Amino acid sequence: MQILGYILIGLGALDFILGNFANINLTGFLGAASSFTPIALIVVGGLLTQTGKK
C-alpha cells in the first residue's frame, strides 16, 4: 500500500507542477473537479502511506 501511496503523491505533485508552470492539465477529463485533483491525490497518497506503516 505504501508504494501506491507514494505513486499517488508523485502524480499529485506532477499534476500540480505541470498545471501551474507548463499549463498542462493531466486530469482535464474531470472537468471543473480537475482543479482539486492534485490536493486529493496527495491526501489519499498520504493516507495510504500511513496505513501501510501500521
PDB file of N, CA and C in Angstrom:
ATOM      1  N   MET A   1       0.813  -1.199   0.000  1.00  0.00           N
ATOM      2  CA  MET A   1       0.000   0.000   0.000  1.00  0.00           C
ATOM      3  C   MET A   1       0.859   1.266   0.000  1.00  0.00           C
ATOM      4  N   GLN A   2       2.041   1.144   0.627  1.00  0.00           N
ATOM      5  CA  GLN A   2       2.906   2.312   0.690  1.00  0.00           C
ATOM      6  C   GLN A   2       3.370   2.725  -0.694  1.00  0.00           C
ATOM      7  N   ILE A   3       3.673   1.761  -1.543  1.00  0.00           N
ATOM      8  CA  ILE A   3       4.160   2.080  -2.881  1.00  0.00           C
ATOM      9  C   ILE A   3       3.078   2.810  -3.665  1.00  0.00           C
ATOM     10  N   LEU A   4       1.850   2.335  -3.577  1.00  0.00           N
ATOM     11  CA  LEU A   4       0.736   3.004  -4.255  1.00  0.00           C
ATOM     12  C   LEU A   4       0.544   4.421  -3.713  1.00  0.00           C
ATOM     13  N   GLY A   5       0.713   4.590  -2.418  1.00  0.00           N
ATOM     14  CA  GLY A   5       0.600   5.906  -1.816  1.00  0.00           C
ATOM     15  C   GLY A   5       1.651   6.865  -2.339  1.00  0.00           C
ATOM     16  N   TYR A   6       2.894   6.385  -2.449  1.00  0.00           N
ATOM     17  CA  TYR A   6       3.962   7.239  -2.973  1.00  0.00           C
ATOM     18  C   TYR A   6       3.749   7.571  -4.448  1.00  0.00           C
ATOM     19  N   ILE A   7       3.193   6.628  -5.198  1.00  0.00           N
ATOM     20  CA  ILE A   7       2.879   6.895  -6.606  1.00  0.00           C
ATOM     21  C   ILE A   7       1.816   7.983  -6.710  1.00  0.00           C
ATOM     22  N   LEU A   8       0.784   7.906  -5.877  1.00  0.00           N
ATOM     23  CA  LEU A   8      -0.270   8.918  -5.904  1.00  0.00           C
ATOM     24  C   LEU A   8       0.261  10.290  -5.485  1.00  0.00           C
ATOM     25  N   ILE A   9       1.148  10.323  -4.507  1.00  0.00           N
ATOM     26  CA  ILE A   9       1.750  11.596  -4.095  1.00  0.00           C
ATOM     27  C   ILE A   9       2.561  12.177  -5.248  1.00  0.00           C
ATOM     28  N   GLY A  10       3.313  11.330  -5.924  1.00  0.00           N
ATOM     29  CA  GLY A  10       4.096  11.789  -7.071  1.00  0.00           C
ATOM     30  C   GLY A  10       3.222  12.303  -8.194  1.00  0.00           C
ATOM     31  N   LEU A  11       2.110  11.614  -8.477  1.00  0.00           N
ATOM     32  CA  LEU A  11       1.191  12.083  -9.518  1.00  0.00           C
ATOM     33  C   LEU A  11       0.538  13.406  -9.138  1.00  0.00           C
ATOM     34  N   GLY A  12       0.200  13.555  -7.869  1.00  0.00           N
ATOM     35  CA  GLY A  12      -0.380  14.806  -7.415  1.00  0.00           C
ATOM     36  C   GLY A  12       0.594  15.965  -7.541  1.00  0.00           C
ATOM     37  N   ALA A  13       1.847  15.725  -7.169  1.00  0.00           N
ATOM     38  CA  ALA A  13       2.867  16.772  -7.298  1.00  0.00           C
ATOM     39  C   ALA A  13       3.122  17.093  -8.764  1.00  0.00           C
ATOM     40  N   LEU A  14       3.175  16.068  -9.607  1.00  0.00           N
ATOM     41  CA  LEU A  14       3.393  16.282 -11.032  1.00  0.00           C
ATOM     42  C   LEU A  14       2.235  17.050 -11.657  1.00  0.00           C
ATOM     43  N   ASP A  15       1.027  16.710 -11.286  1.00  0.00           N
ATOM     44  CA  ASP A  15      -0.150  17.417 -11.792  1.00  0.00           C
ATOM     45  C   ASP A  15      -0.131  18.873 -11.360  1.00  0.00           C
ATOM     46  N   PHE A  16       0.265  19.124 -10.127  1.00  0.00           N
ATOM     47  CA  PHE A  16       0.344  20.500  -9.630  1.00  0.00           C
ATOM     48  C   PHE A  16       1.407  21.302 -10.379  1.00  0.00           C
ATOM     49  N   ILE A  17       2.587  20.735 -10.522  1.00  0.00           N
ATOM     50  CA  ILE A  17       3.685  21.447 -11.176  1.00  0.00           C
ATOM     51  C   ILE A  17       3.381  21.699 -12.648  1.00  0.00           C
ATOM     52  N   LEU A  18       2.920  20.680 -13.351  1.00  0.00           N
ATOM     53  CA  LEU A  18       2.614  20.859 -14.771  1.00  0.00           C
ATOM     54  C   LEU A  18       1.450  21.812 -14.986  1.00  0.00           C
ATOM     55  N   GLY A  19       0.476  21.772 -14.108  1.00  0.00           N
ATOM     56  CA  GLY A  19      -0.667  22.664 -14.250  1.00  0.00           C
ATOM     57  C   GLY A  19      -0.318  24.116 -14.010  1.00  0.00           C
ATOM     58  N   ASN A  20       0.599  24.381 -13.095  1.00  0.00           N
ATOM     59  CA  ASN A  20       0.937  25.759 -12.772  1.00  0.00           C
ATOM     60  C   ASN A  20       2.016  26.349 -13.655  1.00  0.00           C
ATOM     61  N   PHE A  21       2.991  25.553 -14.050  1.00  0.00           N
ATOM     62  CA  PHE A  21       4.135  26.107 -14.762  1.00  0.00           C
ATOM     63  C   PHE A  21       4.145  25.815 -16.253  1.00  0.00           C
ATOM     64  N   ALA A  22       3.498  24.739 -16.682  1.00  0.00           N
ATOM     65  CA  ALA A  22       3.513  24.383 -18.092  1.00  0.00           C
ATOM     66  C   ALA A  22       2.128  24.442 -18.731  1.00  0.00           C
ATOM     67  N   ASN A  23       1.116  24.780 -17.953  1.00  0.00           N
ATOM     68  CA  ASN A  23      -0.270  24.837 -18.430  1.00  0.00           C
ATOM     69  C   ASN A  23      -0.725  23.534 -19.078  1.00  0.00           C
ATOM     70  N   ILE A  24      -0.299  22.419 -18.505  1.00  0.00           N
ATOM     71  CA  ILE A  24      -0.719  21.095 -18.967  1.00  0.00           C
ATOM     72  C   ILE A  24      -1.623  20.502 -17.891  1.00  0.00           C
ATOM     73  N   ASN A  25      -2.852  20.188 -18.258  1.00  0.00           N
ATOM     74  CA  ASN A  25      -3.810  19.640 -17.307  1.00  0.00           C
ATOM     75  C   ASN A  25      -3.894  18.137 -17.499  1.00  0.00           C
ATOM     76  N   LEU A  26      -3.321  17.387 -16.570  1.00  0.00           N
ATOM     77  CA  LEU A  26      -3.333  15.928 -16.672  1.00  0.00           C
ATOM     78  C   LEU A  26      -4.711  15.337 -16.428  1.00  0.00           C
ATOM     79  N   THR A  27      -5.541  16.029 -15.671  1.00  0.00           N
ATOM     80  CA  THR A  27      -6.857  15.500 -15.318  1.00  0.00           C
ATOM     81  C   THR A  27      -7.974  16.371 -15.899  1.00  0.00           C
ATOM     82  N   GLY A  28      -7.778  16.840 -17.112  1.00  0.00           N
ATOM     83  CA  GLY A  28      -8.771  17.686 -17.762  1.00  0.00           C
ATOM     84  C   GLY A  28     -10.080  16.990 -18.050  1.00  0.00           C
ATOM     85  N   PHE A  29     -10.048  15.660 -18.128  1.00  0.00           N
ATOM     86  CA  PHE A  29     -11.269  14.901 -18.415  1.00  0.00           C
ATOM     87  C   PHE A  29     -12.274  14.961 -17.265  1.00  0.00           C
ATOM     88  N   LEU A  30     -11.839  15.454 -16.087  1.00  0.00           N
ATOM     89  CA  LEU A  30     -12.735  15.538 -14.936  1.00  0.00           C
ATOM     90  C   LEU A  30     -13.536  16.841 -14.895  1.00  0.00           C
ATOM     91  N   GLY A  31     -13.256  17.725 -15.821  1.00  0.00           N
ATOM     92  CA  GLY A  31     -13.986  18.992 -15.872  1.00  0.00           C
ATOM     93  C   GLY A  31     -13.558  19.936 -14.772  1.00  0.00           C
ATOM     94  N   ALA A  32     -14.525  20.518 -14.088  1.00  0.00           N
ATOM     95  CA  ALA A  32     -14.229  21.507 -13.044  1.00  0.00           C
ATOM     96  C   ALA A  32     -13.551  20.877 -11.831  1.00  0.00           C
ATOM     97  N   ALA A  33     -13.737  19.599 -11.624  1.00  0.00           N
ATOM     98  CA  ALA A  33     -13.119  18.926 -10.478  1.00  0.00           C
ATOM     99  C   ALA A  33     -11.615  18.754 -10.655  1.00  0.00           C
ATOM    100  N   SER A  34     -11.107  18.977 -11.851  1.00  0.00           N
ATOM    101  CA  SER A  34      -9.686  18.761 -12.099  1.00  0.00           C
ATOM    102  C   SER A  34      -8.808  19.775 -11.365  1.00  0.00           C
ATOM    103  N   SER A  35      -9.379  20.862 -10.901  1.00  0.00           N
ATOM    104  CA  SER A  35      -8.572  21.825 -10.151  1.00  0.00           C
ATOM    105  C   SER A  35      -8.278  21.331  -8.731  1.00  0.00           C
ATOM    106  N   PHE A  36      -9.022  20.350  -8.245  1.00  0.00           N
ATOM    107  CA  PHE A  36      -8.817  19.828  -6.898  1.00  0.00           C
ATOM    108  C   PHE A  36      -8.100  18.484  -6.874  1.00  0.00           C
ATOM    109  N   THR A  37      -7.822  17.909  -8.034  1.00  0.00           N
ATOM    110  CA  THR A  37      -7.222  16.577  -8.049  1.00  0.00           C
ATOM    111  C   THR A  37      -5.805  16.527  -7.488  1.00  0.00           C
ATOM    112  N   PRO A  38      -4.948  17.541  -7.664  1.00  0.00           N
ATOM    113  CA  PRO A  38      -3.635  17.428  -7.013  1.00  0.00           C
ATOM    114  C   PRO A  38      -3.752  17.312  -5.491  1.00  0.00           C
ATOM    115  N   ILE A  39      -4.657  18.074  -4.914  1.00  0.00           N
ATOM    116  CA  ILE A  39      -4.863  18.017  -3.468  1.00  0.00           C
ATOM    117  C   ILE A  39      -5.388  16.639  -3.073  1.00  0.00           C
ATOM    118  N   ALA A  40      -6.365  16.144  -3.806  1.00  0.00           N
ATOM    119  CA  ALA A  40      -6.960  14.847  -3.483  1.00  0.00           C
ATOM    120  C   ALA A  40      -5.948  13.717  -3.635  1.00  0.00           C
ATOM    121  N   LEU A  41      -5.137  13.756  -4.692  1.00  0.00           N
ATOM    122  CA  LEU A  41      -4.144  12.706  -4.895  1.00  0.00           C
ATOM    123  C   LEU A  41      -3.108  12.694  -3.783  1.00  0.00           C
ATOM    124  N   ILE A  42      -2.659  13.862  -3.368  1.00  0.00           N
ATOM    125  CA  ILE A  42      -1.657  13.940  -2.317  1.00  0.00           C
ATOM    126  C   ILE A  42      -2.242  13.484  -0.980  1.00  0.00           C
ATOM    127  N   VAL A  43      -3.476  13.868  -0.693  1.00  0.00           N
ATOM    128  CA  VAL A  43      -4.097  13.462   0.573  1.00  0.00           C
ATOM    129  C   VAL A  43      -4.331  11.952   0.606  1.00  0.00           C
ATOM    130  N   VAL A  44      -4.875  11.399  -0.453  1.00  0.00           N
ATOM    131  CA  VAL A  44      -5.126   9.958  -0.492  1.00  0.00           C
ATOM    132  C   VAL A  44      -3.808   9.185  -0.456  1.00  0.00           C
ATOM    133  N   GLY A  45      -2.800   9.673  -1.172  1.00  0.00           N
ATOM    134  CA  GLY A  45      -1.498   9.027  -1.137  1.00  0.00           C
ATOM    135  C   GLY A  45      -0.892   9.062   0.246  1.00  0.00           C
ATOM    136  N   GLY A  46      -1.029  10.186   0.939  1.00  0.00           N
ATOM    137  CA  GLY A  46      -0.530  10.285   2.316  1.00  0.00           C
ATOM    138  C   GLY A  46      -1.243   9.340   3.256  1.00  0.00           C
ATOM    139  N   LEU A  47      -2.541   9.216   3.083  1.00  0.00           N
ATOM    140  CA  LEU A  47      -3.289   8.274   3.916  1.00  0.00           C
ATOM    141  C   LEU A  47      -2.872   6.835   3.665  1.00  0.00           C
ATOM    142  N   LEU A  48      -2.639   6.498   2.397  1.00  0.00           N
ATOM    143  CA  LEU A  48      -2.207   5.141   2.083  1.00  0.00           C
ATOM    144  C   LEU A  48      -0.823   4.834   2.638  1.00  0.00           C
ATOM    145  N   THR A  49       0.065   5.810   2.606  1.00  0.00           N
ATOM    146  CA  THR A  49       1.397   5.550   3.155  1.00  0.00           C
ATOM    147  C   THR A  49       1.339   5.393   4.668  1.00  0.00           C
ATOM    148  N   GLN A  50       0.446   6.116   5.327  1.00  0.00           N
ATOM    149  CA  GLN A  50       0.317   5.996   6.779  1.00  0.00           C
ATOM    150  C   GLN A  50      -0.321   4.681   7.192  1.00  0.00           C
ATOM    151  N   THR A  51      -1.313   4.227   6.444  1.00  0.00           N
ATOM    152  CA  THR A  51      -1.956   2.963   6.791  1.00  0.00           C
ATOM    153  C   THR A  51      -1.056   1.780   6.450  1.00  0.00           C
ATOM    154  N   GLY A  52      -0.179   1.958   5.486  1.00  0.00           N
ATOM    155  CA  GLY A  52       0.741   0.880   5.131  1.00  0.00           C
ATOM    156  C   GLY A  52       1.800   0.650   6.189  1.00  0.00           C
ATOM    157  N   LYS A  53       2.087   1.648   7.025  1.00  0.00           N
ATOM    158  CA  LYS A  53       3.113   1.502   8.048  1.00  0.00           C
ATOM    159  C   LYS A  53       2.630   0.723   9.265  1.00  0.00           C
ATOM    160  N   LYS A  54       1.327   0.676   9.499  1.00  0.00           N
ATOM    161  CA  LYS A  54       0.785   0.040  10.695  1.00  0.00           C
ATOM    162  C   LYS A  54       0.724  -1.459  10.574  1.00  0.00           C
TER     163      LYS A  54
END
